[in-house]
Amino acid sequence: MMELTEGLPWFCAAVFTSAATFTDLKSMRIPNAFTYPAAAAGVALGGVSGWEGVKTAATGLIGAFLMTLLLHIAGAVGAGDVKAFAALGALLGLGETARILAYALVYGAAAGLALTAVRGRLRALAAGVLHSLIGLAVLRNWAIFRVAPGGSVLSFPFMAAVFPAFATVTLQNFG
């Protein structure tokens, strides 16, 4: 039988992920009113296991924040996504949150390619990627991958990829 200290963080993460996905789909925003309490709940639930649990929650929070901050700096995710992953890190720990992020990136890339193909822009995307890679090889400058303001970039709520990623990892653990 699963112990309360194991199941409760996952339940809280499921409620948080559902609410964050709903608001992200509706408004492309994840409110701080969701992320901060979820992160605090993760640290508090870690505290049930003592200082070791608090350290695990804090490591998850900080590690997940830093991983997604890199994606935010690259322009791949919004600030709300960074805080959402920090909250998931506090609730589930760094390892589980990294798995969710990995699946979310794969699901998001697949969705982005599908949307690009539906819009008839796949050839333009391939040419842009090839141009960037050649530019990187010649100029040795990562800035070439930054999107110019006002550029024609496909954007969709990242939580649309996070939700199925969370479901995948949850089913792998408990299914």
Protein backbone atom coordinates (compact mmCIF):
# COMPACT_ATOMS: atom_id res chain seq x y z
CA MET A 1 0.00 0.00 0.00
CA MET A 2 1.25 3.49 -0.86
CA GLU A 3 2.08 5.71 2.08
CA LEU A 4 0.43 9.10 2.44
CA THR A 5 3.77 10.89 2.18
CA GLU A 6 4.31 9.28 -1.24
CA GLY A 7 0.83 9.77 -2.71
CA LEU A 8 -0.03 13.23 -1.41
CA PRO A 9 2.70 15.10 -3.33
CA TRP A 10 1.57 13.39 -6.54
CA PHE A 11 -2.06 14.28 -5.82
CA CYS A 12 -1.10 17.91 -5.17
CA ALA A 13 1.01 17.92 -8.35
CA ALA A 14 -1.94 16.51 -10.33
CA VAL A 15 -4.28 19.22 -9.05
CA PHE A 16 -1.66 21.92 -9.69
CA THR A 17 -0.82 20.63 -13.19
CA SER A 18 -4.51 20.46 -14.11
CA ALA A 19 -5.20 24.00 -12.91
CA ALA A 20 -2.06 25.40 -14.54
CA THR A 21 -2.90 23.66 -17.82
CA PHE A 22 -6.44 25.04 -17.78
CA THR A 23 -5.30 28.62 -17.25
CA ASP A 24 -2.42 28.31 -19.72
CA LEU A 25 -4.78 27.01 -22.40
CA LYS A 26 -7.25 29.78 -21.65
CA SER A 27 -4.92 32.77 -21.33
CA MET A 28 -1.32 31.60 -22.02
CA ARG A 29 -0.51 32.52 -18.39
CA ILE A 30 0.14 30.53 -15.23
CA PRO A 31 -0.70 32.74 -12.24
CA ASN A 32 1.66 33.14 -9.31
CA ALA A 33 -1.40 32.42 -7.18
CA PHE A 34 -1.00 28.80 -8.37
CA THR A 35 2.76 28.40 -8.53
CA TYR A 36 3.81 29.88 -5.20
CA PRO A 37 1.37 27.90 -3.01
CA ALA A 38 2.22 24.69 -4.91
CA ALA A 39 5.94 25.26 -4.32
CA ALA A 40 5.30 26.02 -0.63
CA ALA A 41 3.18 22.87 -0.35
CA GLY A 42 6.03 20.84 -1.82
CA VAL A 43 8.49 22.14 0.74
CA ALA A 44 5.96 21.67 3.57
CA LEU A 45 5.20 18.10 2.48
CA GLY A 46 8.93 17.45 2.33
CA GLY A 47 9.10 18.69 5.91
CA VAL A 48 6.87 15.80 6.98
CA SER A 49 9.93 13.60 6.36
CA GLY A 50 12.22 15.94 8.32
CA TRP A 51 15.15 18.02 7.14
CA GLU A 52 16.09 15.45 4.51
CA GLY A 53 12.65 15.91 2.92
CA VAL A 54 13.02 19.69 3.01
CA LYS A 55 16.43 19.40 1.33
CA THR A 56 14.97 17.12 -1.34
CA ALA A 57 12.10 19.55 -2.00
CA ALA A 58 14.45 22.55 -2.08
CA THR A 59 16.84 20.76 -4.43
CA GLY A 60 13.90 19.87 -6.69
CA LEU A 61 12.61 23.43 -6.64
CA ILE A 62 15.96 25.05 -7.39
CA GLY A 63 17.08 22.43 -9.91
CA ALA A 64 13.82 22.50 -11.87
CA PHE A 65 13.83 26.29 -11.79
CA LEU A 66 17.36 26.41 -13.24
CA MET A 67 16.62 23.81 -15.95
CA THR A 68 13.59 25.67 -17.21
CA LEU A 69 15.22 29.08 -16.75
CA LEU A 70 17.69 28.05 -19.45
CA LEU A 71 14.75 27.28 -21.73
CA HIS A 72 13.19 30.63 -20.85
CA ILE A 73 16.41 32.50 -21.67
CA ALA A 74 16.43 30.71 -25.04
CA GLY A 75 12.85 31.90 -25.60
CA ALA A 76 11.35 28.41 -25.55
CA VAL A 77 9.07 28.76 -22.50
CA GLY A 78 7.47 31.56 -20.53
CA ALA A 79 8.24 32.69 -17.00
CA GLY A 80 5.08 30.99 -15.72
CA ASP A 81 6.36 27.68 -17.04
CA VAL A 82 9.63 28.21 -15.15
CA LYS A 83 7.75 28.79 -11.89
CA ALA A 84 5.41 25.89 -12.60
CA PHE A 85 8.35 23.53 -12.98
CA ALA A 86 9.92 24.90 -9.81
CA ALA A 87 6.68 24.02 -8.00
CA LEU A 88 6.65 20.53 -9.52
CA GLY A 89 10.28 20.14 -8.47
CA ALA A 90 9.37 20.99 -4.88
CA LEU A 91 6.47 18.54 -4.93
CA LEU A 92 8.03 15.61 -6.80
CA GLY A 93 11.78 16.07 -6.56
CA LEU A 94 14.31 16.88 -9.25
CA GLY A 95 14.47 13.43 -10.87
CA GLU A 96 10.75 13.05 -11.50
CA THR A 97 10.45 16.66 -12.63
CA ALA A 98 13.34 16.23 -15.07
CA ARG A 99 11.52 13.22 -16.54
CA ILE A 100 8.34 15.27 -16.91
CA LEU A 101 10.31 18.06 -18.59
CA ALA A 102 11.98 15.61 -21.00
CA TYR A 103 8.62 14.15 -22.06
CA ALA A 104 7.10 17.64 -22.30
CA LEU A 105 9.88 18.77 -24.63
CA VAL A 106 9.32 15.75 -26.87
CA TYR A 107 5.53 16.18 -26.85
CA GLY A 108 5.87 19.93 -27.42
CA ALA A 109 8.27 19.44 -30.32
CA ALA A 110 5.91 16.89 -31.91
CA ALA A 111 2.96 19.26 -31.49
CA GLY A 112 4.98 22.15 -32.89
CA LEU A 113 6.03 20.14 -35.95
CA ALA A 114 2.45 18.99 -36.51
CA LEU A 115 1.10 22.55 -36.25
CA THR A 116 3.85 23.82 -38.54
CA ALA A 117 3.03 21.12 -41.11
CA VAL A 118 -0.71 21.87 -40.92
CA ARG A 119 0.05 25.55 -41.54
CA GLY A 120 2.19 24.63 -44.55
CA ARG A 121 5.38 26.07 -43.01
CA LEU A 122 7.47 22.91 -42.61
CA ARG A 123 9.77 23.71 -45.54
CA ALA A 124 10.38 27.24 -44.21
CA LEU A 125 11.13 25.80 -40.76
CA ALA A 126 13.63 23.31 -42.19
CA ALA A 127 15.34 26.08 -44.19
CA GLY A 128 15.53 28.28 -41.08
CA VAL A 129 17.03 25.49 -38.98
CA LEU A 130 19.57 24.70 -41.69
CA HIS A 131 20.46 28.40 -41.99
CA SER A 132 20.94 28.65 -38.21
CA LEU A 133 23.12 25.55 -38.06
CA ILE A 134 25.32 26.77 -40.89
CA GLY A 135 25.53 30.17 -39.22
CA LEU A 136 26.53 28.51 -35.96
CA ALA A 137 29.22 26.45 -37.69
CA VAL A 138 30.64 29.48 -39.49
CA LEU A 139 30.17 32.22 -36.88
CA ARG A 140 30.38 30.05 -33.75
CA ASN A 141 27.73 32.27 -32.17
CA TRP A 142 24.72 30.80 -30.33
CA ALA A 143 22.90 34.15 -30.58
CA ILE A 144 21.86 33.16 -34.08
CA PHE A 145 19.23 30.90 -32.48
CA ARG A 146 17.54 33.78 -30.65
CA VAL A 147 14.26 34.80 -32.17
CA ALA A 148 14.03 38.38 -33.34
CA PRO A 149 11.22 40.42 -31.76
CA GLY A 150 8.13 40.25 -33.93
CA GLY A 151 9.41 37.15 -35.68
CA SER A 152 6.94 34.59 -36.99
CA VAL A 153 7.31 32.03 -34.25
CA LEU A 154 4.81 29.32 -33.52
CA SER A 155 3.70 29.55 -29.94
CA PHE A 156 1.28 27.46 -27.94
CA PRO A 157 0.76 26.90 -24.23
CA PHE A 158 3.61 24.69 -23.01
CA MET A 159 1.33 23.19 -20.36
CA ALA A 160 -0.50 21.51 -23.26
CA ALA A 161 2.64 19.37 -23.53
CA VAL A 162 3.34 19.25 -19.79
CA PHE A 163 -0.04 17.75 -18.89
CA PRO A 164 0.40 14.58 -21.00
CA ALA A 165 4.04 14.41 -19.86
CA PHE A 166 2.90 14.50 -16.23
CA ALA A 167 0.33 11.79 -17.01
CA THR A 168 3.00 9.65 -18.69
CA VAL A 169 5.39 9.81 -15.72
CA THR A 170 2.54 9.27 -13.23
CA LEU A 171 1.39 6.15 -15.10
CA GLN A 172 4.96 4.86 -15.27
CA ASN A 173 5.23 5.22 -11.49
CA PHE A 174 1.80 4.05 -10.40
CA GLY A 175 0.14 2.46 -13.43
